[in-house]
Amino acid sequence: MAAKKDTKKDTKKDFIKNKVMLAYGVIQLGSKVVSAVALVAIALSFCSLKKESKFFNECVEEIKATGSPTADSVRFCTGG
């Protein structure tokens, strides 16, 4: 009779341990997904930053071509 009670306790402990391990795995997987999404968002923001930089450089070059000094060209392109 005592062996049967011990088996039930062990089975219950194993079940709880398995649930804890499953929760840990799900949390780990979720955090990796969040990290991946954040990295994609950062990469996309760099693409838009690159486009904005290219546009700014073209603006400065165009204004400099009219004979304005570089400082005036930069001020004009930044909206100042």
C-alpha atoms as a PDB file:
ATOM      1  CA  MET A   1       0.000   0.000   0.000  1.00  0.00           C
ATOM      2  CA  ALA A   2       2.862   2.392   0.808  1.00  0.00           C
ATOM      3  CA  ALA A   3       4.485   1.774  -2.577  1.00  0.00           C
ATOM      4  CA  LYS A   4       1.284   2.799  -4.343  1.00  0.00           C
ATOM      5  CA  LYS A   5       1.152   6.160  -2.480  1.00  0.00           C
ATOM      6  CA  ASP A   6       4.802   6.837  -3.319  1.00  0.00           C
ATOM      7  CA  THR A   7       4.099   6.103  -6.982  1.00  0.00           C
ATOM      8  CA  LYS A   8       1.198   8.578  -6.976  1.00  0.00           C
ATOM      9  CA  LYS A   9       3.371  11.260  -5.373  1.00  0.00           C
ATOM     10  CA  ASP A  10       6.170  10.637  -7.878  1.00  0.00           C
ATOM     11  CA  THR A  11       3.712  10.760 -10.777  1.00  0.00           C
ATOM     12  CA  LYS A  12       2.257  14.037  -9.491  1.00  0.00           C
ATOM     13  CA  LYS A  13       5.775  15.523  -9.064  1.00  0.00           C
ATOM     14  CA  ASP A  14       6.718  14.436 -12.578  1.00  0.00           C
ATOM     15  CA  PHE A  15       3.538  15.984 -13.987  1.00  0.00           C
ATOM     16  CA  ILE A  16       4.252  19.308 -12.259  1.00  0.00           C
ATOM     17  CA  LYS A  17       7.881  19.195 -13.349  1.00  0.00           C
ATOM     18  CA  ASN A  18       6.823  18.554 -16.961  1.00  0.00           C
ATOM     19  CA  LYS A  19       4.411  21.506 -16.849  1.00  0.00           C
ATOM     20  CA  VAL A  20       7.137  23.780 -15.484  1.00  0.00           C
ATOM     21  CA  MET A  21       9.566  22.663 -18.183  1.00  0.00           C
ATOM     22  CA  LEU A  22       6.923  23.217 -20.867  1.00  0.00           C
ATOM     23  CA  ALA A  23       6.223  26.721 -19.563  1.00  0.00           C
ATOM     24  CA  TYR A  24       9.955  27.463 -19.524  1.00  0.00           C
ATOM     25  CA  GLY A  25      10.283  26.290 -23.136  1.00  0.00           C
ATOM     26  CA  VAL A  26       7.347  28.394 -24.271  1.00  0.00           C
ATOM     27  CA  ILE A  27       8.771  31.463 -22.534  1.00  0.00           C
ATOM     28  CA  GLN A  28      12.184  30.879 -24.138  1.00  0.00           C
ATOM     29  CA  LEU A  29      10.628  30.487 -27.579  1.00  0.00           C
ATOM     30  CA  GLY A  30       8.497  33.595 -27.084  1.00  0.00           C
ATOM     31  CA  SER A  31      11.476  35.691 -26.079  1.00  0.00           C
ATOM     32  CA  LYS A  32      13.410  34.555 -29.150  1.00  0.00           C
ATOM     33  CA  VAL A  33      10.495  35.500 -31.386  1.00  0.00           C
ATOM     34  CA  VAL A  34      10.301  38.952 -29.777  1.00  0.00           C
ATOM     35  CA  SER A  35      14.048  39.405 -30.287  1.00  0.00           C
ATOM     36  CA  ALA A  36      13.786  38.415 -33.943  1.00  0.00           C
ATOM     37  CA  VAL A  37      10.932  40.857 -34.544  1.00  0.00           C
ATOM     38  CA  ALA A  38      12.907  43.641 -32.861  1.00  0.00           C
ATOM     39  CA  LEU A  39      15.930  42.948 -35.065  1.00  0.00           C
ATOM     40  CA  VAL A  40      13.756  43.090 -38.184  1.00  0.00           C
ATOM     41  CA  ALA A  41      12.307  46.419 -37.050  1.00  0.00           C
ATOM     42  CA  ILE A  42      15.798  47.813 -36.483  1.00  0.00           C
ATOM     43  CA  ALA A  43      16.936  46.624 -39.916  1.00  0.00           C
ATOM     44  CA  LEU A  44      13.939  48.267 -41.590  1.00  0.00           C
ATOM     45  CA  SER A  45      14.608  51.538 -39.801  1.00  0.00           C
ATOM     46  CA  PHE A  46      18.179  51.495 -41.137  1.00  0.00           C
ATOM     47  CA  CYS A  47      16.818  51.135 -44.678  1.00  0.00           C
ATOM     48  CA  SER A  48      14.669  54.242 -44.270  1.00  0.00           C
ATOM     49  CA  LEU A  49      17.597  56.096 -42.686  1.00  0.00           C
ATOM     50  CA  LYS A  50      19.734  55.203 -45.711  1.00  0.00           C
ATOM     51  CA  LYS A  51      17.091  56.602 -48.094  1.00  0.00           C
ATOM     52  CA  GLU A  52      16.811  59.809 -46.080  1.00  0.00           C
ATOM     53  CA  SER A  53      20.589  60.226 -46.048  1.00  0.00           C
ATOM     54  CA  LYS A  54      20.765  59.735 -49.813  1.00  0.00           C
ATOM     55  CA  PHE A  55      18.040  62.334 -50.345  1.00  0.00           C
ATOM     56  CA  PHE A  56      19.823  64.802 -48.053  1.00  0.00           C
ATOM     57  CA  ASN A  57      23.152  64.341 -49.854  1.00  0.00           C
ATOM     58  CA  GLU A  58      21.480  64.881 -53.238  1.00  0.00           C
ATOM     59  CA  CYS A  59      19.842  68.040 -51.911  1.00  0.00           C
ATOM     60  CA  VAL A  60      23.147  69.418 -50.634  1.00  0.00           C
ATOM     61  CA  GLU A  61      24.904  68.646 -53.921  1.00  0.00           C
ATOM     62  CA  GLU A  62      22.125  70.309 -55.922  1.00  0.00           C
ATOM     63  CA  ILE A  63      22.238  73.490 -53.848  1.00  0.00           C
ATOM     64  CA  LYS A  64      26.057  73.556 -53.937  1.00  0.00           C
ATOM     65  CA  ALA A  65      25.871  73.344 -57.723  1.00  0.00           C
ATOM     66  CA  THR A  66      24.127  76.722 -57.757  1.00  0.00           C
ATOM     67  CA  GLY A  67      27.218  78.257 -56.169  1.00  0.00           C
ATOM     68  CA  SER A  68      26.159  78.364 -52.528  1.00  0.00           C
ATOM     69  CA  PRO A  69      28.721  77.438 -49.861  1.00  0.00           C
ATOM     70  CA  THR A  70      28.398  74.023 -48.198  1.00  0.00           C
ATOM     71  CA  ALA A  71      27.170  75.481 -44.900  1.00  0.00           C
ATOM     72  CA  ASP A  72      24.356  77.351 -46.653  1.00  0.00           C
ATOM     73  CA  SER A  73      23.434  74.243 -48.633  1.00  0.00           C
ATOM     74  CA  VAL A  74      23.197  72.142 -45.481  1.00  0.00           C
ATOM     75  CA  ARG A  75      21.150  74.815 -43.715  1.00  0.00           C
ATOM     76  CA  PHE A  76      18.746  74.978 -46.679  1.00  0.00           C
ATOM     77  CA  CYS A  77      18.334  71.192 -46.866  1.00  0.00           C
ATOM     78  CA  THR A  78      17.664  70.839 -43.144  1.00  0.00           C
ATOM     79  CA  GLY A  79      14.936  73.466 -43.412  1.00  0.00           C
ATOM     80  CA  GLY A  80      16.793  76.268 -41.683  1.00  0.00           C
END
